[in-house]
Amino acid sequence: MKLLRIPEVCERVRRGKSTIYSEIKKGTFPAPLKQGGGNFWLESEIDAHLQKLISERPASPPTSAS
């Protein structure tokens, strides 16, 4: 089990810190674990969140060959 700090989470999901915390408030992003005054995310939860986003994205229309 690996724990991630906010800079690592931001890099993985390509979102800013304020966006991540806003999504946490909305319930659309995994909440952090609070440990010793810091926030940490389980790497497995971030990976699962990204997989969920991938599975929910609309299929791209086929491109025509020129």
C-alpha atoms as a PDB file:
ATOM      1  CA  MET A   1       0.000   0.000   0.000  1.00  0.00           C
ATOM      2  CA  LYS A   2       1.456   3.317  -1.095  1.00  0.00           C
ATOM      3  CA  LEU A   3       0.329   6.701   0.199  1.00  0.00           C
ATOM      4  CA  LEU A   4       0.423   9.783  -2.009  1.00  0.00           C
ATOM      5  CA  ARG A   5       0.657  13.439  -1.032  1.00  0.00           C
ATOM      6  CA  ILE A   6      -1.288  16.141  -2.851  1.00  0.00           C
ATOM      7  CA  PRO A   7       1.497  17.067  -5.347  1.00  0.00           C
ATOM      8  CA  GLU A   8       1.653  13.432  -6.515  1.00  0.00           C
ATOM      9  CA  VAL A   9      -2.143  13.224  -6.734  1.00  0.00           C
ATOM     10  CA  CYS A  10      -2.288  16.461  -8.766  1.00  0.00           C
ATOM     11  CA  GLU A  11       0.318  15.103 -11.163  1.00  0.00           C
ATOM     12  CA  ARG A  12      -1.444  11.764 -11.609  1.00  0.00           C
ATOM     13  CA  VAL A  13      -4.903  13.187 -12.276  1.00  0.00           C
ATOM     14  CA  ARG A  14      -3.695  16.350 -14.061  1.00  0.00           C
ATOM     15  CA  ARG A  15      -5.821  18.623 -11.880  1.00  0.00           C
ATOM     16  CA  GLY A  16      -4.984  21.448  -9.528  1.00  0.00           C
ATOM     17  CA  LYS A  17      -5.196  21.183  -5.780  1.00  0.00           C
ATOM     18  CA  SER A  18      -8.271  23.430  -5.514  1.00  0.00           C
ATOM     19  CA  THR A  19     -10.102  21.363  -8.153  1.00  0.00           C
ATOM     20  CA  ILE A  20      -9.325  18.144  -6.292  1.00  0.00           C
ATOM     21  CA  TYR A  21     -10.584  19.530  -2.980  1.00  0.00           C
ATOM     22  CA  SER A  22     -13.709  20.871  -4.704  1.00  0.00           C
ATOM     23  CA  GLU A  23     -14.396  17.413  -6.165  1.00  0.00           C
ATOM     24  CA  ILE A  24     -13.890  15.858  -2.729  1.00  0.00           C
ATOM     25  CA  LYS A  25     -16.590  18.183  -1.345  1.00  0.00           C
ATOM     26  CA  LYS A  26     -18.912  17.124  -4.196  1.00  0.00           C
ATOM     27  CA  GLY A  27     -18.197  13.474  -3.441  1.00  0.00           C
ATOM     28  CA  THR A  28     -16.719  12.821  -6.887  1.00  0.00           C
ATOM     29  CA  PHE A  29     -13.103  12.299  -5.788  1.00  0.00           C
ATOM     30  CA  PRO A  30     -11.634   9.992  -3.124  1.00  0.00           C
ATOM     31  CA  ALA A  31     -11.226  11.669   0.256  1.00  0.00           C
ATOM     32  CA  PRO A  32      -7.779  11.713   1.834  1.00  0.00           C
ATOM     33  CA  LEU A  33      -6.652   9.940   4.953  1.00  0.00           C
ATOM     34  CA  LYS A  34      -5.691  12.423   7.657  1.00  0.00           C
ATOM     35  CA  GLN A  35      -2.468  11.419   9.380  1.00  0.00           C
ATOM     36  CA  GLY A  36      -0.266  13.551  11.610  1.00  0.00           C
ATOM     37  CA  GLY A  37      -1.642  16.835  10.310  1.00  0.00           C
ATOM     38  CA  GLY A  38      -1.242  15.834   6.658  1.00  0.00           C
ATOM     39  CA  ASN A  39      -3.497  14.481   3.952  1.00  0.00           C
ATOM     40  CA  PHE A  40      -2.619  11.274   2.149  1.00  0.00           C
ATOM     41  CA  TRP A  41      -4.394   9.314  -0.572  1.00  0.00           C
ATOM     42  CA  LEU A  42      -4.187   5.597  -1.170  1.00  0.00           C
ATOM     43  CA  GLU A  43      -2.548   5.026  -4.534  1.00  0.00           C
ATOM     44  CA  SER A  44      -5.026   2.213  -5.201  1.00  0.00           C
ATOM     45  CA  GLU A  45      -7.999   4.590  -4.714  1.00  0.00           C
ATOM     46  CA  ILE A  46      -6.528   7.141  -7.128  1.00  0.00           C
ATOM     47  CA  ASP A  47      -5.864   4.385  -9.682  1.00  0.00           C
ATOM     48  CA  ALA A  48      -9.454   3.121  -9.273  1.00  0.00           C
ATOM     49  CA  HIS A  49     -10.789   6.669  -9.713  1.00  0.00           C
ATOM     50  CA  LEU A  50      -8.842   7.076 -12.958  1.00  0.00           C
ATOM     51  CA  GLN A  51     -10.064   3.684 -14.221  1.00  0.00           C
ATOM     52  CA  LYS A  52     -13.645   4.746 -13.466  1.00  0.00           C
ATOM     53  CA  LEU A  53     -13.181   7.967 -15.468  1.00  0.00           C
ATOM     54  CA  ILE A  54     -11.760   5.972 -18.380  1.00  0.00           C
ATOM     55  CA  SER A  55     -14.641   3.491 -18.330  1.00  0.00           C
ATOM     56  CA  GLU A  56     -17.241   6.292 -18.245  1.00  0.00           C
ATOM     57  CA  ARG A  57     -15.871   8.353 -21.116  1.00  0.00           C
ATOM     58  CA  PRO A  58     -17.877   8.320 -24.322  1.00  0.00           C
ATOM     59  CA  ALA A  59     -16.536   6.272 -27.188  1.00  0.00           C
ATOM     60  CA  SER A  60     -14.747   8.331 -29.775  1.00  0.00           C
ATOM     61  CA  PRO A  61     -16.386   8.353 -33.185  1.00  0.00           C
ATOM     62  CA  PRO A  62     -14.353   6.551 -35.838  1.00  0.00           C
ATOM     63  CA  THR A  63     -12.114   8.824 -37.846  1.00  0.00           C
ATOM     64  CA  SER A  64     -12.233   8.638 -41.606  1.00  0.00           C
ATOM     65  CA  ALA A  65      -9.039   7.940 -43.476  1.00  0.00           C
ATOM     66  CA  SER A  66      -8.025  10.685 -45.889  1.00  0.00           C
END
